[in-house]
Amino acid sequence: MKQTKTKLAIFEGKQIRRHWDAEKELWYFSVVDMVSVLSNSTSPLVYWRKLKERLKKEGSETVTKCHGLKMLAAEGKMRLTDVADTETMFRIIQSIPSPNAEPFKLWLARVGYERIEEAEDPERAINRAMRTYLKKGYSLEWINQRLKSIEIRKELTDEWEKRGAKEGLEFSILTDDITFAWAGLTTKQYKRHKGLKMQSLRDNMTNLELVLNMLAEVSTTEISQKEEPDTFDKNRNVARRGGGVARVARRKIETETGKNVISKSSYLRQRRKRLK
């Protein structure tokens, strides 16, 4: 695991050590710290050791997903401690029989139920997304544009699947090809430029950035449908050319306005400034 700066999260007045892995773009949390908060145990290290044994006997793979990482201990020394990402930490929380863990369990149950509802009726997911965006302060115009960008993205990934590209690493590489072609940054570099970690890059794009990204993706889909690439390398070539279409538009806009399109700001920040 690549070591980067470790920070503290505050929960119920207690500190939870956490570590951001820039390579994997994941937060890792100290399991012992979280166990201490949720179990109220006077010996959280012993509690976690016994919980690990129980999980192993139950055949759970949760323990194997915990990794050792050096973190600053209470006495000021760097000591190896078990850490887990958010998904694994939620699984551990489900295994802790404590009133403190109950709110998390209820929340997980509710989220799970909502996902089942959305699978049966996708319109629920759209309506829920709209309500969430409105609460965050996005305008209806931006929300409609964002939903359109999701449709465009889905058409692109469907096209990639049709051309033999695999979801996961290959989709990520193709997305990076498109993004770098029009923005001059990979997706990770773009997120760092905006100071983002777990947040969605597209949700933090300005109107113009989002429009150009949509142009890059829809152009890639159109070129792919015309040329029908049958290898991954050919798909990459198409992705770069699709992104190139948006690069031409971006450079023209920058020439006409004298301003950089790629911004450290986001739509929400810009909107809040205008509303002040």
C-alpha atoms as a PDB file:
ATOM      1  CA  MET A   1       0.000   0.000   0.000  1.00  0.00           C
ATOM      2  CA  LYS A   2       1.459   3.368  -1.015  1.00  0.00           C
ATOM      3  CA  GLN A   3       2.107   5.517   2.026  1.00  0.00           C
ATOM      4  CA  THR A   4       0.678   9.030   1.957  1.00  0.00           C
ATOM      5  CA  LYS A   5      -0.190  11.482   4.681  1.00  0.00           C
ATOM      6  CA  THR A   6      -2.268   9.981   7.497  1.00  0.00           C
ATOM      7  CA  LYS A   7      -4.984  12.125   9.023  1.00  0.00           C
ATOM      8  CA  LEU A   8      -7.464  11.865  11.865  1.00  0.00           C
ATOM      9  CA  ALA A   9     -11.236  11.644  11.646  1.00  0.00           C
ATOM     10  CA  ILE A  10     -13.296  12.690  14.641  1.00  0.00           C
ATOM     11  CA  PHE A  11     -16.178  10.416  15.636  1.00  0.00           C
ATOM     12  CA  GLU A  12     -18.200  10.841  18.823  1.00  0.00           C
ATOM     13  CA  GLY A  13     -15.398  13.038  20.160  1.00  0.00           C
ATOM     14  CA  LYS A  14     -12.824  10.278  19.595  1.00  0.00           C
ATOM     15  CA  GLN A  15     -10.073  10.163  17.001  1.00  0.00           C
ATOM     16  CA  ILE A  16     -10.069   7.600  14.209  1.00  0.00           C
ATOM     17  CA  ARG A  17      -6.754   7.333  12.389  1.00  0.00           C
ATOM     18  CA  ARG A  18      -7.174   7.198   8.634  1.00  0.00           C
ATOM     19  CA  HIS A  19      -4.936   7.055   5.573  1.00  0.00           C
ATOM     20  CA  TRP A  20      -5.627   8.147   1.984  1.00  0.00           C
ATOM     21  CA  ASP A  21      -4.150   5.836  -0.654  1.00  0.00           C
ATOM     22  CA  ALA A  22      -3.736   8.034  -3.729  1.00  0.00           C
ATOM     23  CA  GLU A  23      -2.975   5.056  -5.984  1.00  0.00           C
ATOM     24  CA  LYS A  24      -6.205   3.205  -5.187  1.00  0.00           C
ATOM     25  CA  GLU A  25      -8.190   6.356  -4.334  1.00  0.00           C
ATOM     26  CA  LEU A  26      -9.436   4.784  -1.096  1.00  0.00           C
ATOM     27  CA  TRP A  27      -9.586   5.818   2.558  1.00  0.00           C
ATOM     28  CA  TYR A  28      -8.251   3.242   5.029  1.00  0.00           C
ATOM     29  CA  PHE A  29      -9.302   3.441   8.687  1.00  0.00           C
ATOM     30  CA  SER A  30      -7.691   2.019  11.815  1.00  0.00           C
ATOM     31  CA  VAL A  31      -9.827  -0.986  12.774  1.00  0.00           C
ATOM     32  CA  VAL A  32      -8.786  -0.822  16.441  1.00  0.00           C
ATOM     33  CA  ASP A  33      -9.802   2.849  16.672  1.00  0.00           C
ATOM     34  CA  MET A  34     -13.231   2.137  15.183  1.00  0.00           C
ATOM     35  CA  VAL A  35     -13.707  -0.921  17.417  1.00  0.00           C
ATOM     36  CA  SER A  36     -12.808   1.221  20.433  1.00  0.00           C
ATOM     37  CA  VAL A  37     -15.519   3.763  19.556  1.00  0.00           C
ATOM     38  CA  LEU A  38     -18.279   1.293  18.715  1.00  0.00           C
ATOM     39  CA  SER A  39     -17.696  -1.404  21.331  1.00  0.00           C
ATOM     40  CA  ASN A  40     -16.718   0.812  24.290  1.00  0.00           C
ATOM     41  CA  SER A  41     -14.216  -1.940  25.115  1.00  0.00           C
ATOM     42  CA  THR A  42     -11.450  -1.089  27.588  1.00  0.00           C
ATOM     43  CA  SER A  43      -9.145  -3.339  25.526  1.00  0.00           C
ATOM     44  CA  PRO A  44     -10.022  -2.712  21.847  1.00  0.00           C
ATOM     45  CA  LEU A  45      -6.929  -4.576  20.639  1.00  0.00           C
ATOM     46  CA  VAL A  46      -8.047  -7.736  22.479  1.00  0.00           C
ATOM     47  CA  TYR A  47     -11.633  -7.197  21.298  1.00  0.00           C
ATOM     48  CA  TRP A  48     -10.483  -6.973  17.659  1.00  0.00           C
ATOM     49  CA  ARG A  49      -8.281 -10.046  18.045  1.00  0.00           C
ATOM     50  CA  LYS A  50     -11.244 -12.121  19.301  1.00  0.00           C
ATOM     51  CA  LEU A  51     -13.545 -10.678  16.638  1.00  0.00           C
ATOM     52  CA  LYS A  52     -11.028 -11.668  13.948  1.00  0.00           C
ATOM     53  CA  GLU A  53     -10.965 -15.222  15.267  1.00  0.00           C
ATOM     54  CA  ARG A  54     -14.785 -15.395  15.231  1.00  0.00           C
ATOM     55  CA  LEU A  55     -14.993 -14.016  11.685  1.00  0.00           C
ATOM     56  CA  LYS A  56     -12.410 -16.545  10.476  1.00  0.00           C
ATOM     57  CA  LYS A  57     -14.379 -19.434  12.039  1.00  0.00           C
ATOM     58  CA  GLU A  58     -17.527 -18.165  10.303  1.00  0.00           C
ATOM     59  CA  GLY A  59     -15.684 -18.327   6.974  1.00  0.00           C
ATOM     60  CA  SER A  60     -15.804 -14.557   6.474  1.00  0.00           C
ATOM     61  CA  GLU A  61     -13.256 -13.058   4.058  1.00  0.00           C
ATOM     62  CA  THR A  62     -13.398  -9.739   5.904  1.00  0.00           C
ATOM     63  CA  VAL A  63     -10.210 -10.364   7.897  1.00  0.00           C
ATOM     64  CA  THR A  64      -8.195 -11.113   4.741  1.00  0.00           C
ATOM     65  CA  LYS A  65      -9.186  -7.682   3.401  1.00  0.00           C
ATOM     66  CA  CYS A  66      -7.583  -5.922   6.382  1.00  0.00           C
ATOM     67  CA  HIS A  67      -3.995  -4.831   5.855  1.00  0.00           C
ATOM     68  CA  GLY A  68      -1.180  -3.793   8.166  1.00  0.00           C
ATOM     69  CA  LEU A  69      -0.097  -0.162   7.957  1.00  0.00           C
ATOM     70  CA  LYS A  70       2.205   1.894  10.159  1.00  0.00           C
ATOM     71  CA  MET A  71       0.308   4.666  11.927  1.00  0.00           C
ATOM     72  CA  LEU A  72       1.175   7.095  14.683  1.00  0.00           C
ATOM     73  CA  ALA A  73       0.332   5.480  18.038  1.00  0.00           C
ATOM     74  CA  ALA A  74      -0.701   7.270  21.250  1.00  0.00           C
ATOM     75  CA  GLU A  75       2.865   7.226  22.578  1.00  0.00           C
ATOM     76  CA  GLY A  76       4.081   9.067  19.463  1.00  0.00           C
ATOM     77  CA  LYS A  77       5.707   6.118  17.667  1.00  0.00           C
ATOM     78  CA  MET A  78       4.814   4.636  14.276  1.00  0.00           C
ATOM     79  CA  ARG A  79       3.348   1.182  14.895  1.00  0.00           C
ATOM     80  CA  LEU A  80       1.853  -1.426  12.587  1.00  0.00           C
ATOM     81  CA  THR A  81      -1.950  -1.601  12.899  1.00  0.00           C
ATOM     82  CA  ASP A  82      -4.785  -3.262  10.964  1.00  0.00           C
ATOM     83  CA  VAL A  83      -6.608  -0.953   8.549  1.00  0.00           C
ATOM     84  CA  ALA A  84      -9.674  -1.486   6.371  1.00  0.00           C
ATOM     85  CA  ASP A  85     -11.293   0.413   3.516  1.00  0.00           C
ATOM     86  CA  THR A  86     -14.823   1.790   3.870  1.00  0.00           C
ATOM     87  CA  GLU A  87     -16.590  -1.288   2.485  1.00  0.00           C
ATOM     88  CA  THR A  88     -14.670  -3.700   4.714  1.00  0.00           C
ATOM     89  CA  MET A  89     -15.130  -1.433   7.725  1.00  0.00           C
ATOM     90  CA  PHE A  90     -18.904  -1.531   7.259  1.00  0.00           C
ATOM     91  CA  ARG A  91     -18.750  -5.338   7.252  1.00  0.00           C
ATOM     92  CA  ILE A  92     -16.795  -5.252  10.532  1.00  0.00           C
ATOM     93  CA  ILE A  93     -19.333  -2.845  12.027  1.00  0.00           C
ATOM     94  CA  GLN A  94     -22.111  -5.311  11.200  1.00  0.00           C
ATOM     95  CA  SER A  95     -20.288  -7.894  13.341  1.00  0.00           C
ATOM     96  CA  ILE A  96     -20.073  -5.706  16.468  1.00  0.00           C
ATOM     97  CA  PRO A  97     -22.993  -6.340  18.887  1.00  0.00           C
ATOM     98  CA  SER A  98     -23.191  -2.858  20.401  1.00  0.00           C
ATOM     99  CA  PRO A  99     -25.828  -0.095  20.659  1.00  0.00           C
ATOM    100  CA  ASN A 100     -23.205   2.290  19.236  1.00  0.00           C
ATOM    101  CA  ALA A 101     -23.039   0.224  16.036  1.00  0.00           C
ATOM    102  CA  GLU A 102     -26.827   0.039  15.619  1.00  0.00           C
ATOM    103  CA  PRO A 103     -27.251   3.388  13.734  1.00  0.00           C
ATOM    104  CA  PHE A 104     -24.717   2.204  11.140  1.00  0.00           C
ATOM    105  CA  LYS A 105     -26.502  -1.134  10.761  1.00  0.00           C
ATOM    106  CA  LEU A 106     -29.867   0.585  10.279  1.00  0.00           C
ATOM    107  CA  TRP A 107     -28.371   2.932   7.702  1.00  0.00           C
ATOM    108  CA  LEU A 108     -26.792   0.024   5.795  1.00  0.00           C
ATOM    109  CA  ALA A 109     -30.118  -1.838   5.827  1.00  0.00           C
ATOM    110  CA  ARG A 110     -31.928   1.230   4.480  1.00  0.00           C
ATOM    111  CA  VAL A 111     -29.355   1.781   1.715  1.00  0.00           C
ATOM    112  CA  GLY A 112     -29.553  -1.885   0.753  1.00  0.00           C
ATOM    113  CA  TYR A 113     -33.357  -1.721   0.555  1.00  0.00           C
ATOM    114  CA  GLU A 114     -33.179   1.421  -1.581  1.00  0.00           C
ATOM    115  CA  ARG A 115     -30.806  -0.300  -4.024  1.00  0.00           C
ATOM    116  CA  ILE A 116     -33.217  -3.223  -4.379  1.00  0.00           C
ATOM    117  CA  GLU A 117     -36.030  -0.741  -5.086  1.00  0.00           C
ATOM    118  CA  GLU A 118     -33.899   1.010  -7.711  1.00  0.00           C
ATOM    119  CA  ALA A 119     -33.061  -2.301  -9.420  1.00  0.00           C
ATOM    120  CA  GLU A 120     -36.792  -3.020  -9.779  1.00  0.00           C
ATOM    121  CA  ASP A 121     -37.672   0.561 -10.801  1.00  0.00           C
ATOM    122  CA  PRO A 122     -34.692   2.610 -12.169  1.00  0.00           C
ATOM    123  CA  GLU A 123     -36.834   5.771 -12.142  1.00  0.00           C
ATOM    124  CA  ARG A 124     -36.530   5.752  -8.338  1.00  0.00           C
ATOM    125  CA  ALA A 125     -32.745   6.109  -8.687  1.00  0.00           C
ATOM    126  CA  ILE A 126     -33.169   9.083 -11.027  1.00  0.00           C
ATOM    127  CA  ASN A 127     -35.641  10.792  -8.681  1.00  0.00           C
ATOM    128  CA  ARG A 128     -33.398  10.139  -5.680  1.00  0.00           C
ATOM    129  CA  ALA A 129     -30.396  11.550  -7.548  1.00  0.00           C
ATOM    130  CA  MET A 130     -32.351  14.687  -8.453  1.00  0.00           C
ATOM    131  CA  ARG A 131     -33.388  15.251  -4.826  1.00  0.00           C
ATOM    132  CA  THR A 132     -29.784  14.775  -3.673  1.00  0.00           C
ATOM    133  CA  TYR A 133     -28.417  17.238  -6.240  1.00  0.00           C
ATOM    134  CA  LEU A 134     -31.091  19.812  -5.341  1.00  0.00           C
ATOM    135  CA  LYS A 135     -30.227  19.520  -1.643  1.00  0.00           C
ATOM    136  CA  LYS A 136     -26.575  20.156  -2.462  1.00  0.00           C
ATOM    137  CA  GLY A 137     -27.507  23.368  -4.277  1.00  0.00           C
ATOM    138  CA  TYR A 138     -27.341  22.399  -7.951  1.00  0.00           C
ATOM    139  CA  SER A 139     -29.777  24.083 -10.345  1.00  0.00           C
ATOM    140  CA  LEU A 140     -32.389  22.097 -12.285  1.00  0.00           C
ATOM    141  CA  GLU A 141     -30.595  23.043 -15.524  1.00  0.00           C
ATOM    142  CA  TRP A 142     -27.307  21.565 -14.280  1.00  0.00           C
ATOM    143  CA  ILE A 143     -29.063  18.452 -12.956  1.00  0.00           C
ATOM    144  CA  ASN A 144     -30.735  17.803 -16.315  1.00  0.00           C
ATOM    145  CA  GLN A 145     -27.360  18.231 -18.016  1.00  0.00           C
ATOM    146  CA  ARG A 146     -25.709  15.868 -15.516  1.00  0.00           C
ATOM    147  CA  LEU A 147     -28.401  13.234 -16.083  1.00  0.00           C
ATOM    148  CA  LYS A 148     -27.834  13.613 -19.833  1.00  0.00           C
ATOM    149  CA  SER A 149     -24.112  13.045 -19.250  1.00  0.00           C
ATOM    150  CA  ILE A 150     -24.966   9.777 -17.462  1.00  0.00           C
ATOM    151  CA  GLU A 151     -27.020   8.681 -20.492  1.00  0.00           C
ATOM    152  CA  ILE A 152     -24.131   9.549 -22.833  1.00  0.00           C
ATOM    153  CA  ARG A 153     -21.687   7.660 -20.619  1.00  0.00           C
ATOM    154  CA  LYS A 154     -23.948   4.579 -20.595  1.00  0.00           C
ATOM    155  CA  GLU A 155     -24.167   4.619 -24.398  1.00  0.00           C
ATOM    156  CA  LEU A 156     -20.374   4.771 -24.545  1.00  0.00           C
ATOM    157  CA  THR A 157     -19.803   1.878 -22.124  1.00  0.00           C
ATOM    158  CA  ASP A 158     -22.412  -0.191 -23.975  1.00  0.00           C
ATOM    159  CA  GLU A 159     -20.458   0.495 -27.168  1.00  0.00           C
ATOM    160  CA  TRP A 160     -17.184  -0.521 -25.494  1.00  0.00           C
ATOM    161  CA  GLU A 161     -18.725  -3.792 -24.321  1.00  0.00           C
ATOM    162  CA  LYS A 162     -19.956  -4.451 -27.847  1.00  0.00           C
ATOM    163  CA  ARG A 163     -16.386  -3.918 -29.114  1.00  0.00           C
ATOM    164  CA  GLY A 164     -14.888  -6.351 -26.593  1.00  0.00           C
ATOM    165  CA  ALA A 165     -13.563  -3.945 -23.941  1.00  0.00           C
ATOM    166  CA  LYS A 166     -13.889  -5.218 -20.380  1.00  0.00           C
ATOM    167  CA  GLU A 167     -15.471  -3.299 -17.517  1.00  0.00           C
ATOM    168  CA  GLY A 168     -12.977  -2.282 -14.844  1.00  0.00           C
ATOM    169  CA  LEU A 169      -9.347  -1.704 -15.793  1.00  0.00           C
ATOM    170  CA  GLU A 170      -9.931  -1.468 -19.555  1.00  0.00           C
ATOM    171  CA  PHE A 171     -12.833   0.978 -19.133  1.00  0.00           C
ATOM    172  CA  SER A 172     -10.600   3.057 -16.828  1.00  0.00           C
ATOM    173  CA  ILE A 173      -7.787   3.125 -19.388  1.00  0.00           C
ATOM    174  CA  LEU A 174     -10.169   4.154 -22.177  1.00  0.00           C
ATOM    175  CA  THR A 175     -11.681   6.861 -19.960  1.00  0.00           C
ATOM    176  CA  ASP A 176      -8.189   8.170 -19.200  1.00  0.00           C
ATOM    177  CA  ASP A 177      -7.421   8.220 -22.932  1.00  0.00           C
ATOM    178  CA  ILE A 178     -10.485  10.362 -23.601  1.00  0.00           C
ATOM    179  CA  THR A 179      -9.894  12.671 -20.644  1.00  0.00           C
ATOM    180  CA  PHE A 180      -6.201  13.179 -21.395  1.00  0.00           C
ATOM    181  CA  ALA A 181      -6.949  13.810 -25.072  1.00  0.00           C
ATOM    182  CA  TRP A 182      -9.313  16.727 -24.389  1.00  0.00           C
ATOM    183  CA  ALA A 183      -8.194  18.008 -20.971  1.00  0.00           C
ATOM    184  CA  GLY A 184      -4.467  17.183 -20.950  1.00  0.00           C
ATOM    185  CA  LEU A 185      -4.913  15.339 -17.646  1.00  0.00           C
ATOM    186  CA  THR A 186      -5.690  11.766 -16.661  1.00  0.00           C
ATOM    187  CA  THR A 187      -8.761  11.273 -14.484  1.00  0.00           C
ATOM    188  CA  LYS A 188      -6.641  11.012 -11.299  1.00  0.00           C
ATOM    189  CA  GLN A 189      -4.618  14.089 -12.234  1.00  0.00           C
ATOM    190  CA  TYR A 190      -7.844  15.980 -12.951  1.00  0.00           C
ATOM    191  CA  LYS A 191      -9.240  15.050  -9.514  1.00  0.00           C
ATOM    192  CA  ARG A 192      -6.013  16.126  -7.804  1.00  0.00           C
ATOM    193  CA  HIS A 193      -6.136  19.418  -9.735  1.00  0.00           C
ATOM    194  CA  LYS A 194      -9.557  20.054  -8.192  1.00  0.00           C
ATOM    195  CA  GLY A 195      -8.491  18.841  -4.754  1.00  0.00           C
ATOM    196  CA  LEU A 196     -10.842  15.845  -4.837  1.00  0.00           C
ATOM    197  CA  LYS A 197     -10.515  12.428  -3.220  1.00  0.00           C
ATOM    198  CA  MET A 198     -13.606  10.201  -3.111  1.00  0.00           C
ATOM    199  CA  GLN A 199     -15.870  12.820  -4.696  1.00  0.00           C
ATOM    200  CA  SER A 200     -17.149  12.453  -8.251  1.00  0.00           C
ATOM    201  CA  LEU A 201     -15.088  14.362 -10.805  1.00  0.00           C
ATOM    202  CA  ARG A 202     -18.112  15.059 -13.011  1.00  0.00           C
ATOM    203  CA  ASP A 203     -20.120  16.418 -10.081  1.00  0.00           C
ATOM    204  CA  ASN A 204     -17.304  18.891  -9.531  1.00  0.00           C
ATOM    205  CA  MET A 205     -16.905  20.026 -13.121  1.00  0.00           C
ATOM    206  CA  THR A 206     -17.956  23.471 -14.240  1.00  0.00           C
ATOM    207  CA  ASN A 207     -20.737  23.696 -16.829  1.00  0.00           C
ATOM    208  CA  LEU A 208     -18.191  24.089 -19.612  1.00  0.00           C
ATOM    209  CA  GLU A 209     -16.021  21.199 -18.448  1.00  0.00           C
ATOM    210  CA  LEU A 210     -19.043  18.906 -18.235  1.00  0.00           C
ATOM    211  CA  VAL A 211     -20.225  19.899 -21.725  1.00  0.00           C
ATOM    212  CA  LEU A 212     -16.784  19.265 -23.239  1.00  0.00           C
ATOM    213  CA  ASN A 213     -16.518  15.913 -21.473  1.00  0.00           C
ATOM    214  CA  MET A 214     -19.917  14.961 -22.895  1.00  0.00           C
ATOM    215  CA  LEU A 215     -18.737  16.039 -26.363  1.00  0.00           C
ATOM    216  CA  ALA A 216     -15.619  13.873 -25.997  1.00  0.00           C
ATOM    217  CA  GLU A 217     -17.636  10.801 -24.972  1.00  0.00           C
ATOM    218  CA  VAL A 218     -20.402  11.146 -27.548  1.00  0.00           C
ATOM    219  CA  SER A 219     -17.766  11.713 -30.267  1.00  0.00           C
ATOM    220  CA  THR A 220     -15.980   8.535 -29.185  1.00  0.00           C
ATOM    221  CA  THR A 221     -19.247   6.583 -29.382  1.00  0.00           C
ATOM    222  CA  GLU A 222     -20.018   7.924 -32.871  1.00  0.00           C
ATOM    223  CA  ILE A 223     -16.525   7.137 -34.212  1.00  0.00           C
ATOM    224  CA  SER A 224     -16.627   3.656 -32.668  1.00  0.00           C
ATOM    225  CA  GLN A 225     -20.013   2.892 -34.215  1.00  0.00           C
ATOM    226  CA  LYS A 226     -18.661   3.934 -37.617  1.00  0.00           C
ATOM    227  CA  GLU A 227     -15.322   2.085 -37.453  1.00  0.00           C
ATOM    228  CA  GLU A 228     -16.292  -0.926 -35.280  1.00  0.00           C
ATOM    229  CA  PRO A 229     -12.870  -1.444 -33.610  1.00  0.00           C
ATOM    230  CA  ASP A 230     -12.210  -5.115 -32.814  1.00  0.00           C
ATOM    231  CA  THR A 231      -9.164  -4.869 -30.528  1.00  0.00           C
ATOM    232  CA  PHE A 232      -8.385  -2.974 -27.326  1.00  0.00           C
ATOM    233  CA  ASP A 233      -5.647  -0.961 -29.054  1.00  0.00           C
ATOM    234  CA  LYS A 234      -8.115   0.111 -31.740  1.00  0.00           C
ATOM    235  CA  ASN A 235     -10.601   1.108 -29.034  1.00  0.00           C
ATOM    236  CA  ARG A 236      -7.858   3.242 -27.434  1.00  0.00           C
ATOM    237  CA  ASN A 237      -7.146   4.917 -30.755  1.00  0.00           C
ATOM    238  CA  VAL A 238     -10.841   5.763 -31.163  1.00  0.00           C
ATOM    239  CA  ALA A 239     -11.022   7.061 -27.579  1.00  0.00           C
ATOM    240  CA  ARG A 240      -8.112   9.440 -28.163  1.00  0.00           C
ATOM    241  CA  ARG A 241      -9.646  10.718 -31.374  1.00  0.00           C
ATOM    242  CA  GLY A 242     -13.027  11.208 -29.700  1.00  0.00           C
ATOM    243  CA  GLY A 243     -11.328  13.187 -26.944  1.00  0.00           C
ATOM    244  CA  GLY A 244      -9.472  15.120 -29.633  1.00  0.00           C
ATOM    245  CA  VAL A 245     -12.751  16.478 -30.965  1.00  0.00           C
ATOM    246  CA  ALA A 246     -13.421  18.119 -27.585  1.00  0.00           C
ATOM    247  CA  ARG A 247      -9.785  19.296 -27.392  1.00  0.00           C
ATOM    248  CA  VAL A 248     -10.272  21.322 -30.574  1.00  0.00           C
ATOM    249  CA  ALA A 249     -13.430  22.888 -29.100  1.00  0.00           C
ATOM    250  CA  ARG A 250     -11.668  23.582 -25.797  1.00  0.00           C
ATOM    251  CA  ARG A 251      -8.735  25.363 -27.472  1.00  0.00           C
ATOM    252  CA  LYS A 252     -11.092  27.454 -29.589  1.00  0.00           C
ATOM    253  CA  ILE A 253     -13.029  28.535 -26.483  1.00  0.00           C
ATOM    254  CA  GLU A 254      -9.802  29.399 -24.641  1.00  0.00           C
ATOM    255  CA  THR A 255      -8.608  31.462 -27.610  1.00  0.00           C
ATOM    256  CA  GLU A 256     -11.893  33.358 -27.800  1.00  0.00           C
ATOM    257  CA  THR A 257     -12.230  33.972 -24.034  1.00  0.00           C
ATOM    258  CA  GLY A 258      -8.608  34.211 -22.955  1.00  0.00           C
ATOM    259  CA  LYS A 259      -9.375  31.903 -20.006  1.00  0.00           C
ATOM    260  CA  ASN A 260      -8.431  28.312 -19.189  1.00  0.00           C
ATOM    261  CA  VAL A 261     -11.323  25.853 -19.417  1.00  0.00           C
ATOM    262  CA  ILE A 262      -9.741  23.411 -16.943  1.00  0.00           C
ATOM    263  CA  SER A 263     -10.577  24.912 -13.567  1.00  0.00           C
ATOM    264  CA  LYS A 264      -9.781  24.167  -9.929  1.00  0.00           C
ATOM    265  CA  SER A 265     -13.286  25.398  -9.167  1.00  0.00           C
ATOM    266  CA  SER A 266     -16.587  23.540  -9.600  1.00  0.00           C
ATOM    267  CA  TYR A 267     -20.096  24.385 -10.727  1.00  0.00           C
ATOM    268  CA  LEU A 268     -21.333  24.608  -7.124  1.00  0.00           C
ATOM    269  CA  ARG A 269     -18.542  26.942  -6.014  1.00  0.00           C
ATOM    270  CA  GLN A 270     -19.113  29.190  -9.031  1.00  0.00           C
ATOM    271  CA  ARG A 271     -22.871  29.230  -8.428  1.00  0.00           C
ATOM    272  CA  ARG A 272     -22.469  30.109  -4.744  1.00  0.00           C
ATOM    273  CA  LYS A 273     -20.231  33.027  -5.687  1.00  0.00           C
ATOM    274  CA  ARG A 274     -22.843  34.327  -8.131  1.00  0.00           C
ATOM    275  CA  LEU A 275     -25.625  34.018  -5.555  1.00  0.00           C
ATOM    276  CA  LYS A 276     -23.736  35.996  -2.882  1.00  0.00           C
END
